[in-house]
């Protein structure tokens, strides 16, 4: 098993590979704080007769990740929550353009939550794990990419804020990018100036380069 670590913001991000899901084309165990997810990337054969790229992103929320077991008659997990669906879309948008044009092989990326500390969101960390899983696999992918969430609280930018910090943050900005530049942004703010938003984007991309450097070390 290989383990790689980099200090991002106030906490280290840890990426491990070579221990779990070794039959996948690429698999990475990614941890930030006490939140951990297993990200796997697999590729099937080309599907004939289609004119689109069949990429599937699946964010698997598990009750046991936060120490709960479904009781009563329903002991299986239910349908994806709204947050899980949004996390899938957030992961899809920066990854999809980096596959070769005309590529028709079915690719599935499954993000399974193993531990949720209810403090550090896993959606942005999962994007980095998905990029790492693709980069160490034999799937054609023009990565790596990095993704960072930026908050703004008490006049200061916060890198990958916690759930508690986001409740009072004036900014919730997700920036994903490659070495070439920013690829995707999603933001909500409390009427902040364009200058503050622009600086937040720049800081997010600076952190993305740290994520990219970590993935290049893995590769």
Protein backbone atom coordinates (compact mmCIF):
# COMPACT_ATOMS: atom_id res chain seq x y z
CA UNK A 1 0.00 0.00 0.00
CA UNK A 2 1.23 3.49 -0.88
CA UNK A 3 0.24 6.55 1.17
CA UNK A 4 0.62 10.21 0.18
CA UNK A 5 -0.08 13.22 2.37
CA UNK A 6 -0.22 16.98 1.93
CA UNK A 7 -1.23 19.76 4.33
CA UNK A 8 -4.19 21.60 2.78
CA UNK A 9 -5.53 24.49 4.84
CA UNK A 10 -5.68 23.51 8.49
CA UNK A 11 -5.74 19.73 7.94
CA UNK A 12 -3.75 17.18 5.94
CA UNK A 13 -5.34 15.28 3.09
CA UNK A 14 -4.24 11.66 2.88
CA UNK A 15 -4.52 9.50 -0.25
CA UNK A 16 -3.81 5.77 -0.11
CA UNK A 17 -3.81 3.19 -2.87
CA UNK A 18 -2.94 -0.48 -3.33
CA UNK A 19 -4.97 -1.93 -0.46
CA UNK A 20 -8.69 -1.75 -1.27
CA UNK A 21 -10.61 -2.45 -4.52
CA UNK A 22 -7.53 -3.68 -6.37
CA UNK A 23 -9.62 -5.13 -9.20
CA UNK A 24 -10.76 -1.64 -10.20
CA UNK A 25 -8.80 0.17 -12.89
CA UNK A 26 -7.90 2.72 -10.22
CA UNK A 27 -8.83 3.08 -6.55
CA UNK A 28 -7.93 5.64 -3.90
CA UNK A 29 -8.80 5.92 -0.22
CA UNK A 30 -8.99 9.63 0.54
CA UNK A 31 -9.22 11.14 4.03
CA UNK A 32 -9.63 14.69 5.29
CA UNK A 33 -10.02 15.15 9.01
CA UNK A 34 -11.98 12.09 10.18
CA UNK A 35 -13.98 11.89 6.94
CA UNK A 36 -12.92 9.06 4.62
CA UNK A 37 -14.16 7.86 1.23
CA UNK A 38 -13.17 5.06 -1.11
CA UNK A 39 -13.13 6.22 -4.74
CA UNK A 40 -12.94 3.66 -7.53
CA UNK A 41 -12.72 4.15 -11.30
CA UNK A 42 -13.59 1.31 -13.69
CA UNK A 43 -13.89 1.10 -17.47
CA UNK A 44 -15.92 -1.24 -19.65
CA UNK A 45 -15.96 -1.89 -23.36
CA UNK A 46 -17.10 0.67 -25.92
CA UNK A 47 -20.86 0.79 -26.36
CA UNK A 48 -21.91 0.59 -29.99
CA UNK A 49 -24.47 2.86 -31.54
CA UNK A 50 -24.23 5.72 -29.04
CA UNK A 51 -23.22 9.32 -29.68
CA UNK A 52 -22.34 10.30 -26.12
CA UNK A 53 -19.76 9.44 -23.47
CA UNK A 54 -21.36 7.07 -20.90
CA UNK A 55 -19.76 8.41 -17.72
CA UNK A 56 -21.50 7.52 -14.45
CA UNK A 57 -20.71 9.12 -11.10
CA UNK A 58 -22.20 7.46 -8.01
CA UNK A 59 -21.91 9.01 -4.54
CA UNK A 60 -22.80 6.28 -2.04
CA UNK A 61 -23.95 7.64 1.31
CA UNK A 62 -23.80 5.05 4.08
CA UNK A 63 -25.50 5.36 7.45
CA UNK A 64 -22.72 3.38 9.11
CA UNK A 65 -20.27 6.11 8.08
CA UNK A 66 -21.75 8.31 10.82
CA UNK A 67 -22.28 5.47 13.29
CA UNK A 68 -25.90 4.64 12.51
CA UNK A 69 -27.50 1.38 11.36
CA UNK A 70 -30.95 1.48 9.72
CA UNK A 71 -33.47 -0.19 12.01
CA UNK A 72 -36.99 -1.59 11.84
CA UNK A 73 -38.02 -3.29 8.58
CA UNK A 74 -35.92 -1.11 6.27
CA UNK A 75 -32.33 -2.20 6.80
CA UNK A 76 -31.01 -1.20 3.41
CA UNK A 77 -29.95 2.26 2.28
CA UNK A 78 -32.63 4.30 0.55
CA UNK A 79 -32.48 6.30 -2.64
CA UNK A 80 -29.77 8.99 -3.00
CA UNK A 81 -30.37 12.18 -1.08
CA UNK A 82 -30.40 15.58 -2.74
CA UNK A 83 -26.91 16.23 -1.36
CA UNK A 84 -25.61 13.00 -2.90
CA UNK A 85 -27.08 13.86 -6.30
CA UNK A 86 -25.52 17.32 -6.17
CA UNK A 87 -22.17 15.79 -5.20
CA UNK A 88 -22.35 13.52 -8.27
CA UNK A 89 -23.01 16.49 -10.54
CA UNK A 90 -20.25 18.50 -8.88
CA UNK A 91 -17.82 15.66 -9.60
CA UNK A 92 -19.01 15.10 -13.17
CA UNK A 93 -18.65 18.65 -14.46
CA UNK A 94 -14.85 19.13 -14.19
CA UNK A 95 -14.01 15.51 -15.10
CA UNK A 96 -16.11 14.98 -18.24
CA UNK A 97 -14.27 17.44 -20.55
CA UNK A 98 -10.92 15.75 -19.87
CA UNK A 99 -11.75 12.46 -21.57
CA UNK A 100 -10.77 12.04 -25.24
CA UNK A 101 -13.17 13.30 -27.88
CA UNK A 102 -15.16 10.42 -29.34
CA UNK A 103 -14.41 8.16 -26.34
CA UNK A 104 -17.36 5.77 -25.95
CA UNK A 105 -16.18 3.28 -23.32
CA UNK A 106 -18.39 3.09 -20.27
CA UNK A 107 -16.66 4.61 -17.24
CA UNK A 108 -18.00 4.40 -13.71
CA UNK A 109 -16.69 6.32 -10.72
CA UNK A 110 -18.08 5.17 -7.37
CA UNK A 111 -17.51 7.25 -4.23
CA UNK A 112 -18.31 5.25 -1.08
CA UNK A 113 -18.35 7.08 2.24
CA UNK A 114 -16.60 5.01 4.91
CA UNK A 115 -16.47 7.61 7.66
CA UNK A 116 -18.31 10.92 8.01
CA UNK A 117 -17.18 13.08 10.92
CA UNK A 118 -20.09 15.54 10.39
CA UNK A 119 -17.50 18.32 10.31
CA UNK A 120 -15.70 18.11 6.96
CA UNK A 121 -17.80 17.87 3.76
CA UNK A 122 -16.75 15.01 1.50
CA UNK A 123 -18.05 16.30 -1.84
CA UNK A 124 -15.03 18.42 -2.77
CA UNK A 125 -12.58 15.87 -1.37
CA UNK A 126 -14.30 13.18 -3.47
CA UNK A 127 -13.57 15.18 -6.65
CA UNK A 128 -9.85 15.04 -5.85
CA UNK A 129 -10.14 11.32 -5.10
CA UNK A 130 -11.93 10.71 -8.41
CA UNK A 131 -9.22 12.56 -10.30
CA UNK A 132 -6.50 10.58 -8.49
CA UNK A 133 -8.23 7.24 -9.18
CA UNK A 134 -8.44 8.08 -12.88
CA UNK A 135 -4.85 9.32 -13.07
CA UNK A 136 -3.34 6.13 -11.62
CA UNK A 137 -5.54 3.91 -13.82
CA UNK A 138 -5.23 2.93 -17.48
CA UNK A 139 -8.33 4.95 -18.37
CA UNK A 140 -7.50 7.76 -20.83
CA UNK A 141 -7.84 10.96 -18.84
CA UNK A 142 -6.12 14.33 -19.33
CA UNK A 143 -5.81 15.10 -15.62
CA UNK A 144 -5.10 15.58 -12.83
CA UNK A 145 -7.43 18.26 -11.50
CA UNK A 146 -7.94 19.73 -8.05
CA UNK A 147 -11.05 21.02 -6.30
CA UNK A 148 -11.33 23.36 -3.32
CA UNK A 149 -14.12 25.02 -1.35
CA UNK A 150 -13.50 28.58 -0.19
CA UNK A 151 -15.45 30.29 2.59
CA UNK A 152 -15.35 33.89 3.80
CA UNK A 153 -15.89 34.53 7.50
CA UNK A 154 -15.04 37.54 9.67
CA UNK A 155 -13.12 39.16 6.82
CA UNK A 156 -10.91 36.12 6.16
CA UNK A 157 -10.91 33.38 3.53
CA UNK A 158 -11.23 29.82 4.81
CA UNK A 159 -9.93 26.85 2.85
CA UNK A 160 -12.31 23.88 2.89
CA UNK A 161 -14.53 25.24 5.71
CA UNK A 162 -16.42 22.90 8.03
CA UNK A 163 -20.20 22.55 8.06
CA UNK A 164 -20.34 24.78 11.11
CA UNK A 165 -18.28 27.50 9.42
CA UNK A 166 -20.43 27.34 6.29
CA UNK A 167 -23.53 28.14 8.33
CA UNK A 168 -22.27 31.67 8.95
CA UNK A 169 -19.90 32.06 5.99
CA UNK A 170 -20.65 34.87 3.55
CA UNK A 171 -19.27 32.78 0.69
CA UNK A 172 -19.59 29.16 -0.42
CA UNK A 173 -17.36 28.86 -3.48
CA UNK A 174 -16.20 25.62 -5.11
CA UNK A 175 -13.36 25.94 -7.61
CA UNK A 176 -12.08 23.05 -9.74
CA UNK A 177 -9.16 23.42 -12.09
CA UNK A 178 -6.19 21.88 -13.83
CA UNK A 179 -2.68 23.24 -14.22
CA UNK A 180 -3.92 25.19 -17.24
CA UNK A 181 -6.53 27.11 -15.24
CA UNK A 182 -9.98 27.09 -13.66
CA UNK A 183 -12.41 24.61 -15.22
CA UNK A 184 -15.54 24.83 -13.07
CA UNK A 185 -16.97 27.10 -10.40
CA UNK A 186 -20.08 26.97 -8.26
CA UNK A 187 -20.81 29.72 -5.77
CA UNK A 188 -23.31 31.26 -3.41
CA UNK A 189 -22.57 34.48 -1.57
CA UNK A 190 -24.09 37.21 0.56
CA UNK A 191 -23.71 40.14 -1.87
CA UNK A 192 -19.92 40.21 -1.83
CA UNK A 193 -17.96 42.45 -4.19
CA UNK A 194 -16.51 41.17 -7.44
CA UNK A 195 -13.01 41.79 -6.10
CA UNK A 196 -13.59 39.49 -3.11
CA UNK A 197 -15.07 36.77 -5.33
CA UNK A 198 -12.15 37.03 -7.77
CA UNK A 199 -9.60 36.74 -4.96
CA UNK A 200 -11.50 33.72 -3.62
CA UNK A 201 -11.27 32.06 -7.06
CA UNK A 202 -7.55 32.76 -7.21
CA UNK A 203 -6.97 31.31 -3.74
CA UNK A 204 -9.01 28.24 -4.63
CA UNK A 205 -6.92 27.64 -7.74
CA UNK A 206 -3.71 28.02 -5.72
CA UNK A 207 -4.89 25.24 -3.41
CA UNK A 208 -5.92 23.18 -6.46
CA UNK A 209 -2.30 23.21 -7.59
CA UNK A 210 -1.36 21.61 -4.25
CA UNK A 211 -3.92 18.84 -4.85
CA UNK A 212 -2.57 18.38 -8.38
CA UNK A 213 1.00 18.14 -7.08
CA UNK A 214 -0.07 15.44 -4.63
CA UNK A 215 -1.70 13.43 -7.42
CA UNK A 216 1.35 13.80 -9.64
CA UNK A 217 3.41 12.36 -6.80
CA UNK A 218 1.06 9.36 -6.74
CA UNK A 219 1.32 8.93 -10.50
